[in-house]
Each structure stands twice: as C-alpha cells, then as structure tokens.
Amino acid sequence: MAEFVQSKMKVIKPDGAILVTPESLETFWSELGDIPVNDDGIIQESFLWWSKGTDREDIWHWFDEKYPGGVIKLMGLND
C-alpha cells in the first residue's frame, strides 16, 4: 500500500507527485485574489508556480480542473 505524507496544504505521494487538497485550493484561490492583475488579465507578480506575465484565465482553468465544483464554486456563484 502506498504511503502518503499529508499536510493541510497538500498530499505528497511516495513518487514525489503533489496532490492538492480542496482546502489548499481554497487557500490558494484566496491568495490569488491578492495578486495584482493588469487590464489585460495578466498577473503582475509570480504566484505559486506561475510566473509574472501569466494570463489569469490560464490559472483559473487550472483551478477549474482541480477543484470540486470548479471556479464557479470557488467564486460562490453556484447558489
């Protein structure tokens, strides 16, 4: 059976792969809100593993794929 190392922010599998938890995604989403974005939707600072100059929508797509309920749920728009 594979062993996992788990923290509040992520789960690290024995092969080194990192799985993020829903709780960590919520934290990261909140932190993304503090990152400055220009009028074209480009982040003006590095965020996690995305470099300055990344389109915010590329980051949103990643969250949409990873978070149960997607970006709509993270934004609170699924009510």
N, C-alpha and C. Protein backbone atom coordinates (compact mmCIF):
# COMPACT_ATOMS: atom_id res chain seq x y z
N MET A 1 0.85 -1.18 0.00
CA MET A 1 0.00 0.00 0.00
C MET A 1 0.89 1.25 0.00
N ALA A 2 0.55 2.19 -0.83
CA ALA A 2 1.34 3.43 -0.91
C ALA A 2 1.12 4.27 0.33
N GLU A 3 2.17 4.90 0.77
CA GLU A 3 2.07 5.82 1.91
C GLU A 3 2.00 7.24 1.39
N PHE A 4 1.30 8.06 2.11
CA PHE A 4 1.18 9.46 1.76
C PHE A 4 1.63 10.29 2.93
N VAL A 5 2.24 11.42 2.63
CA VAL A 5 2.53 12.43 3.64
C VAL A 5 1.53 13.52 3.41
N GLN A 6 0.73 13.81 4.42
CA GLN A 6 -0.34 14.78 4.24
C GLN A 6 -0.17 15.96 5.19
N SER A 7 -0.39 17.12 4.65
CA SER A 7 -0.45 18.33 5.45
C SER A 7 -1.76 19.02 5.07
N LYS A 8 -2.04 20.12 5.70
CA LYS A 8 -3.26 20.86 5.37
C LYS A 8 -3.22 21.36 3.92
N MET A 9 -2.04 21.64 3.42
CA MET A 9 -1.93 22.27 2.11
C MET A 9 -1.79 21.30 0.94
N LYS A 10 -1.23 20.11 1.17
CA LYS A 10 -1.02 19.21 0.04
C LYS A 10 -0.76 17.80 0.52
N VAL A 11 -0.86 16.88 -0.39
CA VAL A 11 -0.53 15.49 -0.13
C VAL A 11 0.62 15.15 -1.06
N ILE A 12 1.67 14.58 -0.50
CA ILE A 12 2.83 14.20 -1.31
C ILE A 12 2.87 12.67 -1.37
N LYS A 13 2.77 12.14 -2.57
CA LYS A 13 2.82 10.70 -2.77
C LYS A 13 4.28 10.24 -2.72
N PRO A 14 4.51 8.95 -2.51
CA PRO A 14 5.89 8.45 -2.45
C PRO A 14 6.72 8.75 -3.69
N ASP A 15 6.07 8.86 -4.84
CA ASP A 15 6.82 9.15 -6.07
C ASP A 15 7.15 10.64 -6.21
N GLY A 16 6.75 11.44 -5.21
CA GLY A 16 7.05 12.86 -5.23
C GLY A 16 5.96 13.73 -5.84
N ALA A 17 4.96 13.09 -6.43
CA ALA A 17 3.85 13.86 -7.02
C ALA A 17 3.10 14.59 -5.92
N ILE A 18 2.68 15.78 -6.22
CA ILE A 18 1.94 16.59 -5.24
C ILE A 18 0.48 16.64 -5.66
N LEU A 19 -0.37 16.26 -4.73
CA LEU A 19 -1.81 16.37 -4.93
C LEU A 19 -2.30 17.46 -4.00
N VAL A 20 -3.02 18.39 -4.53
CA VAL A 20 -3.54 19.46 -3.68
C VAL A 20 -4.90 19.05 -3.14
N THR A 21 -5.19 19.46 -1.94
CA THR A 21 -6.47 19.16 -1.32
C THR A 21 -7.46 20.28 -1.64
N PRO A 22 -8.76 20.02 -1.51
CA PRO A 22 -9.73 21.10 -1.70
C PRO A 22 -9.46 22.28 -0.76
N GLU A 23 -9.04 21.99 0.46
CA GLU A 23 -8.75 23.07 1.41
C GLU A 23 -7.58 23.92 0.93
N SER A 24 -6.55 23.26 0.39
CA SER A 24 -5.41 24.04 -0.10
C SER A 24 -5.80 24.86 -1.32
N LEU A 25 -6.65 24.31 -2.18
CA LEU A 25 -7.11 25.06 -3.34
C LEU A 25 -7.89 26.30 -2.92
N GLU A 26 -8.69 26.17 -1.89
CA GLU A 26 -9.43 27.32 -1.38
C GLU A 26 -8.47 28.39 -0.86
N THR A 27 -7.42 27.96 -0.18
CA THR A 27 -6.41 28.91 0.32
C THR A 27 -5.69 29.58 -0.84
N PHE A 28 -5.28 28.77 -1.82
CA PHE A 28 -4.58 29.33 -2.98
C PHE A 28 -5.47 30.31 -3.73
N TRP A 29 -6.76 29.97 -3.87
CA TRP A 29 -7.71 30.86 -4.56
C TRP A 29 -7.79 32.20 -3.85
N SER A 30 -7.87 32.15 -2.55
CA SER A 30 -7.92 33.38 -1.76
C SER A 30 -6.65 34.20 -1.96
N GLU A 31 -5.51 33.53 -1.96
CA GLU A 31 -4.23 34.22 -2.16
C GLU A 31 -4.13 34.81 -3.57
N LEU A 32 -4.70 34.14 -4.54
CA LEU A 32 -4.68 34.66 -5.91
C LEU A 32 -5.38 36.02 -5.98
N GLY A 33 -6.38 36.21 -5.15
CA GLY A 33 -7.08 37.49 -5.11
C GLY A 33 -6.21 38.65 -4.69
N ASP A 34 -5.07 38.37 -4.06
CA ASP A 34 -4.15 39.42 -3.63
C ASP A 34 -3.08 39.75 -4.68
N ILE A 35 -3.06 38.99 -5.77
CA ILE A 35 -2.06 39.19 -6.81
C ILE A 35 -2.55 40.26 -7.78
N PRO A 36 -1.74 41.30 -7.99
CA PRO A 36 -2.16 42.35 -8.94
C PRO A 36 -2.27 41.81 -10.36
N VAL A 37 -3.29 42.29 -11.06
CA VAL A 37 -3.56 41.89 -12.43
C VAL A 37 -3.76 43.16 -13.25
N ASN A 38 -3.17 43.21 -14.45
CA ASN A 38 -3.36 44.41 -15.27
C ASN A 38 -4.69 44.35 -16.02
N ASP A 39 -4.97 45.36 -16.81
CA ASP A 39 -6.25 45.46 -17.52
C ASP A 39 -6.44 44.35 -18.55
N ASP A 40 -5.36 43.68 -18.93
CA ASP A 40 -5.45 42.59 -19.89
C ASP A 40 -5.57 41.23 -19.22
N GLY A 41 -5.67 41.21 -17.88
CA GLY A 41 -5.81 39.95 -17.15
C GLY A 41 -4.51 39.22 -16.93
N ILE A 42 -3.39 39.93 -16.98
CA ILE A 42 -2.07 39.33 -16.81
C ILE A 42 -1.59 39.59 -15.38
N ILE A 43 -1.14 38.51 -14.70
CA ILE A 43 -0.68 38.71 -13.32
C ILE A 43 0.65 39.48 -13.33
N GLN A 44 0.79 40.35 -12.36
CA GLN A 44 1.94 41.25 -12.29
C GLN A 44 2.99 40.79 -11.29
N GLU A 45 2.74 39.66 -10.63
CA GLU A 45 3.70 39.03 -9.71
C GLU A 45 3.62 37.53 -9.92
N SER A 46 4.68 36.83 -9.58
CA SER A 46 4.63 35.37 -9.61
C SER A 46 3.62 34.90 -8.58
N PHE A 47 2.97 33.78 -8.90
CA PHE A 47 2.00 33.18 -7.98
C PHE A 47 2.16 31.66 -8.06
N LEU A 48 2.45 31.06 -6.91
CA LEU A 48 2.74 29.64 -6.83
C LEU A 48 3.78 29.29 -7.90
N TRP A 49 3.44 28.46 -8.87
CA TRP A 49 4.42 28.07 -9.90
C TRP A 49 4.21 28.81 -11.21
N TRP A 50 3.30 29.77 -11.23
CA TRP A 50 3.10 30.59 -12.43
C TRP A 50 3.95 31.84 -12.33
N SER A 51 4.57 32.18 -13.42
CA SER A 51 5.45 33.35 -13.43
C SER A 51 4.66 34.62 -13.73
N LYS A 52 5.26 35.72 -13.33
CA LYS A 52 4.73 37.03 -13.68
C LYS A 52 4.51 37.04 -15.19
N GLY A 53 3.37 37.57 -15.63
CA GLY A 53 3.08 37.61 -17.06
C GLY A 53 2.13 36.52 -17.52
N THR A 54 1.72 35.65 -16.60
CA THR A 54 0.77 34.59 -16.94
C THR A 54 -0.64 35.17 -17.01
N ASP A 55 -1.40 34.71 -17.96
CA ASP A 55 -2.79 35.14 -18.07
C ASP A 55 -3.59 34.54 -16.92
N ARG A 56 -4.34 35.37 -16.24
CA ARG A 56 -5.14 34.94 -15.09
C ARG A 56 -6.09 33.80 -15.48
N GLU A 57 -6.62 33.83 -16.69
CA GLU A 57 -7.54 32.78 -17.11
C GLU A 57 -6.88 31.42 -17.22
N ASP A 58 -5.58 31.38 -17.53
CA ASP A 58 -4.85 30.11 -17.53
C ASP A 58 -4.83 29.52 -16.13
N ILE A 59 -4.67 30.38 -15.14
CA ILE A 59 -4.67 29.94 -13.74
C ILE A 59 -6.08 29.50 -13.36
N TRP A 60 -7.07 30.25 -13.77
CA TRP A 60 -8.46 29.87 -13.49
C TRP A 60 -8.79 28.50 -14.06
N HIS A 61 -8.31 28.20 -15.27
CA HIS A 61 -8.56 26.89 -15.88
C HIS A 61 -7.96 25.77 -15.03
N TRP A 62 -6.77 26.01 -14.49
CA TRP A 62 -6.15 25.01 -13.62
C TRP A 62 -7.02 24.77 -12.39
N PHE A 63 -7.48 25.85 -11.75
CA PHE A 63 -8.37 25.70 -10.60
C PHE A 63 -9.65 24.97 -11.00
N ASP A 64 -10.18 25.30 -12.15
CA ASP A 64 -11.42 24.70 -12.62
C ASP A 64 -11.28 23.18 -12.76
N GLU A 65 -10.12 22.74 -13.21
CA GLU A 65 -9.86 21.31 -13.37
C GLU A 65 -9.64 20.61 -12.03
N LYS A 66 -9.06 21.30 -11.08
CA LYS A 66 -8.65 20.67 -9.82
C LYS A 66 -9.69 20.73 -8.71
N TYR A 67 -10.47 21.78 -8.66
CA TYR A 67 -11.36 21.99 -7.51
C TYR A 67 -12.73 21.37 -7.76
N PRO A 68 -13.24 20.58 -6.82
CA PRO A 68 -14.59 20.03 -6.98
C PRO A 68 -15.62 21.18 -7.10
N GLY A 69 -16.32 21.21 -8.19
CA GLY A 69 -17.27 22.30 -8.42
C GLY A 69 -16.67 23.42 -9.24
N GLY A 70 -15.36 23.40 -9.44
CA GLY A 70 -14.69 24.36 -10.31
C GLY A 70 -14.66 25.78 -9.79
N VAL A 71 -14.27 26.66 -10.69
CA VAL A 71 -14.11 28.08 -10.36
C VAL A 71 -15.44 28.70 -9.96
N ILE A 72 -16.53 28.23 -10.56
CA ILE A 72 -17.85 28.77 -10.22
C ILE A 72 -18.09 28.61 -8.72
N LYS A 73 -17.76 27.46 -8.18
CA LYS A 73 -17.95 27.23 -6.75
C LYS A 73 -16.99 28.07 -5.93
N LEU A 74 -15.73 28.17 -6.38
CA LEU A 74 -14.76 28.99 -5.66
C LEU A 74 -15.20 30.46 -5.61
N MET A 75 -15.85 30.92 -6.66
CA MET A 75 -16.33 32.29 -6.72
C MET A 75 -17.64 32.48 -5.96
N GLY A 76 -18.24 31.36 -5.53
CA GLY A 76 -19.51 31.45 -4.81
C GLY A 76 -20.68 31.72 -5.72
N LEU A 77 -20.58 31.35 -7.00
CA LEU A 77 -21.62 31.66 -7.97
C LEU A 77 -22.54 30.48 -8.27
N ASN A 78 -22.43 29.43 -7.48
CA ASN A 78 -23.19 28.21 -7.77
C ASN A 78 -24.47 28.10 -6.96
N ASP A 79 -24.86 29.18 -6.32
CA ASP A 79 -26.06 29.13 -5.47
C ASP A 79 -27.33 29.13 -6.28
